[in-house]
């Protein structure tokens, strides 16, 4: 466990406690989420105070929360193409131990860029308290360094500051660093991880045609207690749009779905039912069903919106007196979940209806037989030559088969023998 005095020394080596509150972030407090925008080789950074971390962690699942603490005019000073951005904050050892236990002091919060827009990243790995305190110390220098440079007095606000990209040796930064220098530790332009003390690059990078490509860029947001201080948690993701707006999506999750008993079951139809909680996201529902656990058939889909409740879909063309397996499937933009497997028994007799041949024809070597079926059973076309006529017909070699559906079915056989005999059996 990190001694508190050591933690304070980490910060005080670069600035005094009173200086943490310097700059134009007039309402900044430790634990406020900062969002930084910068362009490599650019002139300015934009640093945004997005408010307390508790605002984000207390949101319901799948809530879309707009980050409205900066303006388009401010972002225009940095741009949107080819910019790098991240969101982050920290708890230090002065946080109330009632909410932050000693082992969790120097908990960090940081983004991690997605390689694929819809695929969540692997979580950041935690480090020891001393290492995470060094990262928190770098983060703490940013609000202290935020300055209005007078040039942007008309644009800057208490929650968003346009600043010069470089703070090293810059008289506008008497107490801290610019976002760009803090994330790169002044000297190294490649780390982008708060001076080499964090486990990786916290920044997303927009490409050169970001405005035109029409696709958002997403970065996952993690809570990272120091080693031994708790479990790293996925909290949600930040989404940056081509129009310059930033949205935070809290605890994105697939819908919760439970398969429930079928109703209105007949020999050929049934209503398959489920209970679904869309978790605040537009959700689609359908059912898989079939005579085995492999299913093989699917119902139509239906959009159930965002309202939790009981839902059902009808299926038809079932076989009478058969046991069907089925399960509910629900999905939204965050993933797919499956209900458990249930079964239902269709009504009717298990004895198939005796087939009646309604048509017989032969063209070259192809023989075609049409016959009536019932709503259950399997109908098989069998054939033999004169040598096999004395064998029971049920043992004649099977050529093809079909399930009974109450309609006329046509099966074919190919044989060049001048003496061939056929029969339709039902089981």
Protein backbone atom coordinates (compact mmCIF):
# COMPACT_ATOMS: atom_id res chain seq x y z
CA UNK A 1 0.00 0.00 0.00
CA UNK A 2 1.28 3.45 -0.89
CA UNK A 3 2.14 5.69 2.04
CA UNK A 4 0.11 8.91 1.77
CA UNK A 5 3.18 11.03 2.32
CA UNK A 6 4.84 9.45 -0.70
CA UNK A 7 1.73 10.16 -2.77
CA UNK A 8 1.77 13.83 -1.81
CA UNK A 9 5.45 14.08 -2.60
CA UNK A 10 4.77 12.85 -6.12
CA UNK A 11 2.50 15.83 -6.74
CA UNK A 12 4.40 18.38 -4.73
CA UNK A 13 7.58 17.71 -6.65
CA UNK A 14 6.04 19.66 -9.53
CA UNK A 15 3.45 21.94 -7.92
CA UNK A 16 1.97 22.94 -4.63
CA UNK A 17 -1.49 21.87 -3.56
CA UNK A 18 -2.79 25.42 -3.92
CA UNK A 19 -1.49 25.56 -7.49
CA UNK A 20 -3.69 22.60 -8.53
CA UNK A 21 -6.61 25.02 -8.54
CA UNK A 22 -4.88 27.60 -10.71
CA UNK A 23 -5.90 28.34 -14.29
CA UNK A 24 -9.30 29.00 -15.80
CA UNK A 25 -11.00 25.73 -14.73
CA UNK A 26 -12.72 27.64 -11.96
CA UNK A 27 -14.86 24.71 -10.79
CA UNK A 28 -12.38 21.87 -11.32
CA UNK A 29 -12.14 19.23 -8.57
CA UNK A 30 -10.15 16.01 -8.31
CA UNK A 31 -12.28 13.28 -9.83
CA UNK A 32 -13.67 15.51 -12.58
CA UNK A 33 -13.35 13.86 -16.00
CA UNK A 34 -11.07 15.76 -18.35
CA UNK A 35 -11.27 15.40 -22.12
CA UNK A 36 -8.26 16.52 -24.13
CA UNK A 37 -8.08 17.23 -27.86
CA UNK A 38 -4.82 17.88 -29.68
CA UNK A 39 -3.30 17.69 -33.15
CA UNK A 40 0.28 16.56 -33.59
CA UNK A 41 2.16 19.56 -34.91
CA UNK A 42 -0.82 21.78 -34.23
CA UNK A 43 -0.90 25.13 -32.50
CA UNK A 44 -3.56 24.63 -29.83
CA UNK A 45 -5.10 22.02 -27.55
CA UNK A 46 -8.63 22.02 -26.16
CA UNK A 47 -9.10 20.80 -22.58
CA UNK A 48 -12.61 20.16 -21.28
CA UNK A 49 -13.85 19.58 -17.74
CA UNK A 50 -16.72 17.12 -18.31
CA UNK A 51 -17.77 17.13 -14.65
CA UNK A 52 -17.56 14.63 -11.78
CA UNK A 53 -16.88 10.98 -12.56
CA UNK A 54 -19.95 10.15 -10.43
CA UNK A 55 -22.15 11.74 -13.11
CA UNK A 56 -21.04 9.06 -15.54
CA UNK A 57 -20.87 6.11 -13.14
CA UNK A 58 -24.40 6.77 -11.83
CA UNK A 59 -26.07 6.66 -15.25
CA UNK A 60 -28.46 3.76 -16.05
CA UNK A 61 -27.29 1.13 -18.53
CA UNK A 62 -27.25 2.14 -22.20
CA UNK A 63 -27.83 5.81 -21.35
CA UNK A 64 -26.44 8.17 -24.00
CA UNK A 65 -25.08 11.25 -22.24
CA UNK A 66 -24.06 14.26 -24.33
CA UNK A 67 -20.82 16.01 -23.32
CA UNK A 68 -21.94 19.62 -23.68
CA UNK A 69 -19.11 21.33 -21.79
CA UNK A 70 -17.38 22.67 -24.92
CA UNK A 71 -18.49 24.43 -28.10
CA UNK A 72 -17.95 23.87 -31.79
CA UNK A 73 -16.14 27.20 -32.02
CA UNK A 74 -13.64 26.01 -29.41
CA UNK A 75 -13.07 22.67 -31.13
CA UNK A 76 -12.57 24.44 -34.46
CA UNK A 77 -9.32 25.91 -33.08
CA UNK A 78 -7.95 22.35 -32.93
CA UNK A 79 -9.93 20.69 -35.74
CA UNK A 80 -11.49 17.26 -36.08
CA UNK A 81 -9.43 15.59 -38.80
CA UNK A 82 -6.12 14.12 -37.61
CA UNK A 83 -6.73 14.99 -33.99
CA UNK A 84 -6.01 12.82 -30.97
CA UNK A 85 -8.31 12.76 -27.97
CA UNK A 86 -8.83 11.01 -24.67
CA UNK A 87 -10.87 11.15 -21.45
CA UNK A 88 -9.38 10.53 -18.01
CA UNK A 89 -9.32 11.37 -14.31
CA UNK A 90 -7.95 10.05 -11.03
CA UNK A 91 -8.59 9.70 -7.29
CA UNK A 92 -5.68 10.63 -5.06
CA UNK A 93 -4.98 9.78 -1.42
CA UNK A 94 -6.95 12.80 -0.20
CA UNK A 95 -10.24 11.28 -1.35
CA UNK A 96 -12.65 10.31 1.48
CA UNK A 97 -11.87 6.75 2.49
CA UNK A 98 -15.60 6.05 2.89
CA UNK A 99 -15.95 6.06 -0.90
CA UNK A 100 -12.37 5.23 -1.84
CA UNK A 101 -10.81 2.58 0.44
CA UNK A 102 -7.11 2.89 1.19
CA UNK A 103 -6.27 0.02 -1.18
CA UNK A 104 -8.11 1.80 -4.00
CA UNK A 105 -6.43 5.19 -3.57
CA UNK A 106 -4.85 6.39 -6.81
CA UNK A 107 -7.57 4.73 -8.85
CA UNK A 108 -7.33 5.92 -12.44
CA UNK A 109 -9.98 6.31 -15.14
CA UNK A 110 -8.85 6.30 -18.77
CA UNK A 111 -9.99 5.66 -22.33
CA UNK A 112 -8.68 2.97 -24.67
CA UNK A 113 -9.17 3.31 -28.42
CA UNK A 114 -11.17 0.64 -30.21
CA UNK A 115 -9.52 -1.01 -33.21
CA UNK A 116 -12.99 -1.88 -34.52
CA UNK A 117 -15.92 0.45 -33.96
CA UNK A 118 -18.25 -2.20 -32.49
CA UNK A 119 -15.74 -4.39 -30.66
CA UNK A 120 -14.85 -3.69 -27.04
CA UNK A 121 -11.18 -3.53 -26.13
CA UNK A 122 -9.37 -5.63 -23.55
CA UNK A 123 -9.28 -3.87 -20.20
CA UNK A 124 -6.28 -1.84 -19.06
CA UNK A 125 -3.98 -3.67 -16.64
CA UNK A 126 -3.58 -2.07 -13.19
CA UNK A 127 -0.23 -1.10 -11.73
CA UNK A 128 0.96 -0.52 -8.18
CA UNK A 129 -0.13 2.53 -6.22
CA UNK A 130 3.18 4.33 -6.67
CA UNK A 131 3.09 3.95 -10.46
CA UNK A 132 -0.55 4.99 -10.65
CA UNK A 133 0.21 7.96 -8.42
CA UNK A 134 2.80 9.08 -10.97
CA UNK A 135 0.14 8.93 -13.69
CA UNK A 136 -2.33 10.79 -11.49
CA UNK A 137 0.34 13.40 -10.89
CA UNK A 138 0.67 13.97 -14.62
CA UNK A 139 -3.11 14.26 -14.97
CA UNK A 140 -3.22 16.78 -12.12
CA UNK A 141 -0.88 19.14 -13.98
CA UNK A 142 -3.35 19.72 -16.81
CA UNK A 143 -6.03 21.78 -15.00
CA UNK A 144 -3.28 23.70 -13.24
CA UNK A 145 -1.75 24.57 -16.59
CA UNK A 146 -4.98 25.52 -18.35
CA UNK A 147 -4.71 29.16 -19.39
CA UNK A 148 -6.67 31.56 -21.57
CA UNK A 149 -3.65 33.19 -23.28
CA UNK A 150 -5.95 36.22 -23.61
CA UNK A 151 -6.27 35.42 -27.32
CA UNK A 152 -9.32 33.25 -26.63
CA UNK A 153 -10.99 35.18 -23.82
CA UNK A 154 -14.15 35.41 -25.93
CA UNK A 155 -14.25 31.63 -26.52
CA UNK A 156 -12.97 30.13 -23.29
CA UNK A 157 -15.35 29.11 -20.53
CA UNK A 158 -14.95 27.77 -16.96
CA UNK A 159 -15.36 24.24 -18.38
CA UNK A 160 -13.39 24.39 -21.65
CA UNK A 161 -10.06 26.06 -22.34
CA UNK A 162 -8.16 26.55 -25.59
CA UNK A 163 -4.47 26.52 -24.77
CA UNK A 164 -1.11 26.59 -26.50
CA UNK A 165 0.07 23.16 -27.57
CA UNK A 166 3.48 23.42 -25.88
CA UNK A 167 3.99 24.38 -22.24
CA UNK A 168 7.69 23.66 -21.78
CA UNK A 169 9.42 27.01 -21.16
CA UNK A 170 6.20 28.84 -21.98
CA UNK A 171 5.52 31.72 -19.53
CA UNK A 172 1.79 31.11 -19.88
CA UNK A 173 2.30 27.86 -17.90
CA UNK A 174 3.79 28.84 -14.53
CA UNK A 175 2.09 26.02 -12.62
CA UNK A 176 1.36 23.11 -14.96
CA UNK A 177 1.45 21.50 -18.40
CA UNK A 178 -0.62 21.71 -21.52
CA UNK A 179 -2.66 18.60 -22.27
CA UNK A 180 -0.30 17.72 -25.12
CA UNK A 181 2.82 17.93 -22.97
CA UNK A 182 1.27 16.16 -19.99
CA UNK A 183 0.12 13.17 -22.00
CA UNK A 184 3.51 12.99 -23.75
CA UNK A 185 5.64 14.02 -20.75
CA UNK A 186 7.07 17.09 -22.49
CA UNK A 187 9.80 15.28 -24.42
CA UNK A 188 8.40 12.11 -25.93
CA UNK A 189 5.96 12.57 -28.82
CA UNK A 190 5.08 8.86 -29.09
CA UNK A 191 4.02 7.67 -25.64
CA UNK A 192 0.68 9.49 -25.23
CA UNK A 193 0.37 7.72 -21.89
CA UNK A 194 1.16 10.36 -19.26
CA UNK A 195 4.90 10.24 -19.28
CA UNK A 196 5.46 6.52 -19.64
CA UNK A 197 3.82 5.78 -16.29
CA UNK A 198 0.55 4.40 -17.66
CA UNK A 199 0.02 1.01 -19.31
CA UNK A 200 -0.52 2.23 -22.86
CA UNK A 201 -1.71 4.96 -25.20
CA UNK A 202 -4.94 6.50 -23.87
CA UNK A 203 -5.73 8.41 -27.07
CA UNK A 204 -7.94 7.85 -30.09
CA UNK A 205 -6.78 9.19 -33.44
CA UNK A 206 -9.15 10.56 -36.08
CA UNK A 207 -7.98 9.94 -39.62
CA UNK A 208 -7.36 12.57 -42.29
CA UNK A 209 -10.85 12.21 -43.81
CA UNK A 210 -12.74 11.82 -40.54
CA UNK A 211 -15.29 14.55 -41.33
CA UNK A 212 -16.20 12.93 -44.66
CA UNK A 213 -16.17 9.28 -43.67
CA UNK A 214 -19.46 9.47 -41.73
CA UNK A 215 -18.37 6.99 -39.04
CA UNK A 216 -17.93 7.66 -35.35
CA UNK A 217 -14.75 6.89 -33.40
CA UNK A 218 -15.16 5.12 -30.06
CA UNK A 219 -12.94 4.68 -27.02
CA UNK A 220 -13.77 2.42 -24.09
CA UNK A 221 -13.63 3.92 -20.59
CA UNK A 222 -12.20 1.92 -17.68
CA UNK A 223 -11.99 2.34 -13.92
CA UNK A 224 -8.55 1.10 -12.87
CA UNK A 225 -7.86 0.58 -9.16
CA UNK A 226 -4.20 -0.05 -8.34
CA UNK A 227 -3.07 -3.65 -8.03
CA UNK A 228 -4.79 -5.23 -5.07
CA UNK A 229 -7.29 -2.40 -4.79
CA UNK A 230 -10.17 -3.96 -6.69
CA UNK A 231 -11.24 -5.11 -10.14
CA UNK A 232 -10.75 -3.11 -13.33
CA UNK A 233 -14.25 -2.18 -14.56
CA UNK A 234 -15.57 -1.38 -18.01
CA UNK A 235 -17.80 1.66 -17.52
CA UNK A 236 -18.90 2.53 -21.05
CA UNK A 237 -17.46 4.27 -24.07
CA UNK A 238 -16.95 7.74 -25.49
CA UNK A 239 -18.18 8.31 -29.04
CA UNK A 240 -16.86 11.18 -31.17
CA UNK A 241 -19.00 12.09 -34.19
CA UNK A 242 -18.00 13.76 -37.43
CA UNK A 243 -19.97 16.88 -36.46
CA UNK A 244 -17.66 17.36 -33.48
CA UNK A 245 -20.06 16.19 -30.76
CA UNK A 246 -18.99 13.81 -28.00
CA UNK A 247 -21.36 11.31 -26.37
CA UNK A 248 -20.77 8.96 -23.46
CA UNK A 249 -22.65 5.62 -23.50
CA UNK A 250 -22.93 4.13 -20.01
CA UNK A 251 -22.69 0.38 -19.37
CA UNK A 252 -23.71 -0.72 -22.89
CA UNK A 253 -25.30 -4.15 -22.69
CA UNK A 254 -27.21 -6.60 -24.84
CA UNK A 255 -30.89 -7.16 -23.98
CA UNK A 256 -31.86 -9.61 -21.25
CA UNK A 257 -34.11 -12.36 -22.64
CA UNK A 258 -35.89 -15.34 -21.13
CA UNK A 259 -37.78 -17.96 -23.14
CA UNK A 260 -41.20 -18.82 -21.67
CA UNK A 261 -43.77 -21.51 -22.45
CA UNK A 262 -45.41 -21.61 -25.87
CA UNK A 263 -49.12 -20.93 -26.18
CA UNK A 264 -51.94 -21.52 -28.69
CA UNK A 265 -50.28 -24.75 -29.83
CA UNK A 266 -52.09 -26.71 -32.56
CA UNK A 267 -51.02 -29.47 -34.90
CA UNK A 268 -49.35 -27.02 -37.29
CA UNK A 269 -48.95 -23.68 -35.45
CA UNK A 270 -47.80 -22.25 -32.12
CA UNK A 271 -47.07 -18.92 -30.49
CA UNK A 272 -43.54 -18.81 -29.06
CA UNK A 273 -43.11 -16.46 -26.12
CA UNK A 274 -40.39 -14.61 -24.24
CA UNK A 275 -39.80 -11.97 -21.59
CA UNK A 276 -37.37 -9.30 -22.78
CA UNK A 277 -35.68 -6.33 -21.13
CA UNK A 278 -34.17 -4.17 -23.92
CA UNK A 279 -31.96 -2.29 -21.40
CA UNK A 280 -32.87 1.10 -22.86
CA UNK A 281 -31.82 0.28 -26.41
CA UNK A 282 -33.87 -0.46 -29.55
CA UNK A 283 -34.15 -4.26 -29.57
CA UNK A 284 -35.14 -6.91 -32.12
CA UNK A 285 -36.64 -10.27 -31.16
CA UNK A 286 -37.05 -13.57 -32.98
CA UNK A 287 -37.22 -17.31 -32.19
CA UNK A 288 -35.23 -20.32 -33.33
CA UNK A 289 -37.17 -23.59 -33.47
CA UNK A 290 -36.98 -27.14 -34.81
CA UNK A 291 -37.30 -30.83 -34.01
CA UNK A 292 -33.83 -30.94 -32.42
CA UNK A 293 -31.63 -28.68 -30.29
CA UNK A 294 -30.02 -27.64 -33.56
CA UNK A 295 -33.31 -25.85 -34.42
CA UNK A 296 -32.92 -25.21 -38.18
CA UNK A 297 -35.82 -22.76 -38.53
CA UNK A 298 -36.39 -19.17 -37.43
CA UNK A 299 -39.48 -17.02 -37.01
CA UNK A 300 -39.88 -13.57 -38.47
CA UNK A 301 -38.19 -10.76 -36.53
CA UNK A 302 -40.00 -7.98 -34.70
CA UNK A 303 -38.69 -4.66 -33.35
CA UNK A 304 -39.90 -4.39 -29.75
CA UNK A 305 -38.37 -0.94 -29.12
CA UNK A 306 -37.09 -0.14 -25.64
CA UNK A 307 -39.99 -1.34 -23.50
CA UNK A 308 -39.48 -4.37 -21.25
CA UNK A 309 -42.30 -6.92 -21.28
CA UNK A 310 -43.71 -10.20 -22.58
CA UNK A 311 -43.63 -10.78 -26.33
CA UNK A 312 -44.73 -13.57 -28.67
CA UNK A 313 -44.40 -14.56 -32.33
CA UNK A 314 -46.39 -17.16 -34.25
CA UNK A 315 -44.82 -19.96 -36.29
CA UNK A 316 -46.58 -22.28 -38.73
CA UNK A 317 -46.07 -25.34 -40.96
CA UNK A 318 -45.28 -27.48 -37.92
CA UNK A 319 -45.72 -31.24 -37.91
CA UNK A 320 -48.52 -32.68 -35.80
CA UNK A 321 -47.76 -34.75 -32.72
CA UNK A 322 -44.09 -33.71 -32.65
CA UNK A 323 -41.94 -32.22 -29.91
CA UNK A 324 -40.36 -28.90 -30.96
CA UNK A 325 -37.38 -27.19 -29.38
CA UNK A 326 -37.37 -23.39 -29.36
CA UNK A 327 -35.54 -20.44 -27.81
CA UNK A 328 -35.83 -16.66 -27.93
CA UNK A 329 -33.10 -14.48 -29.47
CA UNK A 330 -32.90 -10.74 -28.74
CA UNK A 331 -30.31 -8.28 -30.00
CA UNK A 332 -29.50 -4.57 -30.06
CA UNK A 333 -26.51 -2.51 -31.14
CA UNK A 334 -24.54 -3.75 -28.14
CA UNK A 335 -24.90 -7.50 -28.65
CA UNK A 336 -27.11 -10.61 -28.80
CA UNK A 337 -28.47 -12.78 -26.00
CA UNK A 338 -30.26 -16.14 -26.16
CA UNK A 339 -33.01 -17.48 -23.96
CA UNK A 340 -32.94 -21.04 -22.64
CA UNK A 341 -34.16 -24.00 -24.69
CA UNK A 342 -37.79 -25.07 -24.12
CA UNK A 343 -40.03 -27.59 -25.86
CA UNK A 344 -43.66 -27.82 -26.88
CA UNK A 345 -45.71 -30.73 -28.27
CA UNK A 346 -47.92 -30.10 -31.28
CA UNK A 347 -51.39 -31.66 -31.21
CA UNK A 348 -52.77 -34.37 -33.47
CA UNK A 349 -52.13 -38.02 -34.17
CA UNK A 350 -48.65 -39.45 -34.46
CA UNK A 351 -49.89 -41.95 -37.06
CA UNK A 352 -49.17 -40.53 -40.50
CA UNK A 353 -51.94 -40.38 -43.10
CA UNK A 354 -51.73 -43.10 -45.75
CA UNK A 355 -50.36 -41.53 -48.94
CA UNK A 356 -52.38 -41.57 -52.15
CA UNK A 357 -50.44 -41.40 -55.43
CA UNK A 358 -51.86 -38.59 -57.54
CA UNK A 359 -49.39 -38.58 -60.40
CA UNK A 360 -46.80 -40.82 -62.05
CA UNK A 361 -44.55 -40.03 -64.98
CA UNK A 362 -41.23 -40.92 -66.54
CA UNK A 363 -38.97 -38.87 -68.81
CA UNK A 364 -35.85 -40.66 -70.02
CA UNK A 365 -34.33 -42.07 -66.83
CA UNK A 366 -36.23 -39.85 -64.35
CA UNK A 367 -39.40 -41.14 -62.69
CA UNK A 368 -41.65 -38.61 -60.92
CA UNK A 369 -44.27 -39.52 -58.29
CA UNK A 370 -46.75 -37.11 -56.70
CA UNK A 371 -48.75 -38.10 -53.64
CA UNK A 372 -50.89 -36.69 -50.84
CA UNK A 373 -49.58 -36.38 -47.27
CA UNK A 374 -50.87 -35.77 -43.77
CA UNK A 375 -49.61 -33.21 -41.27
CA UNK A 376 -47.19 -35.59 -39.61
CA UNK A 377 -44.79 -38.38 -40.41
CA UNK A 378 -42.07 -38.93 -42.96
CA UNK A 379 -42.94 -40.05 -46.50
CA UNK A 380 -40.28 -42.06 -48.32
CA UNK A 381 -39.97 -43.04 -51.98
CA UNK A 382 -38.51 -46.55 -52.20
CA UNK A 383 -37.60 -48.66 -55.24
CA UNK A 384 -36.37 -52.08 -56.34
CA UNK A 385 -36.05 -54.24 -59.43
CA UNK A 386 -37.85 -57.53 -60.07
CA UNK A 387 -35.33 -59.44 -57.97
CA UNK A 388 -36.38 -57.56 -54.86
CA UNK A 389 -40.12 -57.81 -55.23
CA UNK A 390 -40.41 -60.62 -52.70
CA UNK A 391 -38.85 -58.52 -49.90
CA UNK A 392 -41.11 -56.48 -47.60
CA UNK A 393 -41.79 -53.10 -49.15
CA UNK A 394 -40.68 -51.25 -46.03
CA UNK A 395 -37.19 -52.69 -46.62
CA UNK A 396 -36.90 -51.58 -50.24
CA UNK A 397 -33.99 -49.14 -50.64
CA UNK A 398 -34.95 -45.53 -49.80
CA UNK A 399 -34.43 -43.07 -52.66
CA UNK A 400 -35.70 -39.79 -51.19
CA UNK A 401 -38.07 -38.60 -48.47
CA UNK A 402 -40.02 -35.58 -47.23
CA UNK A 403 -41.95 -34.58 -44.11
CA UNK A 404 -45.72 -34.60 -44.33
CA UNK A 405 -47.28 -31.16 -44.52
CA UNK A 406 -50.86 -31.92 -45.51
CA UNK A 407 -50.12 -31.07 -49.15
CA UNK A 408 -49.27 -32.99 -52.32
CA UNK A 409 -45.53 -33.70 -52.50
CA UNK A 410 -43.49 -34.73 -55.53
CA UNK A 411 -40.38 -36.95 -55.31
CA UNK A 412 -38.15 -38.20 -58.13
CA UNK A 413 -35.96 -41.23 -58.82
CA UNK A 414 -33.31 -41.74 -61.49
CA UNK A 415 -32.78 -45.25 -62.87
CA UNK A 416 -32.04 -46.65 -66.34
CA UNK A 417 -33.35 -50.16 -65.54
CA UNK A 418 -36.34 -51.24 -67.71
CA UNK A 419 -37.80 -53.10 -64.74
CA UNK A 420 -38.15 -50.86 -61.70
CA UNK A 421 -40.84 -50.83 -59.04
CA UNK A 422 -41.66 -47.96 -56.63
CA UNK A 423 -43.64 -47.51 -53.44
CA UNK A 424 -44.37 -44.63 -51.04
CA UNK A 425 -44.16 -45.54 -47.34
CA UNK A 426 -45.27 -43.38 -44.40
CA UNK A 427 -43.78 -43.59 -40.88
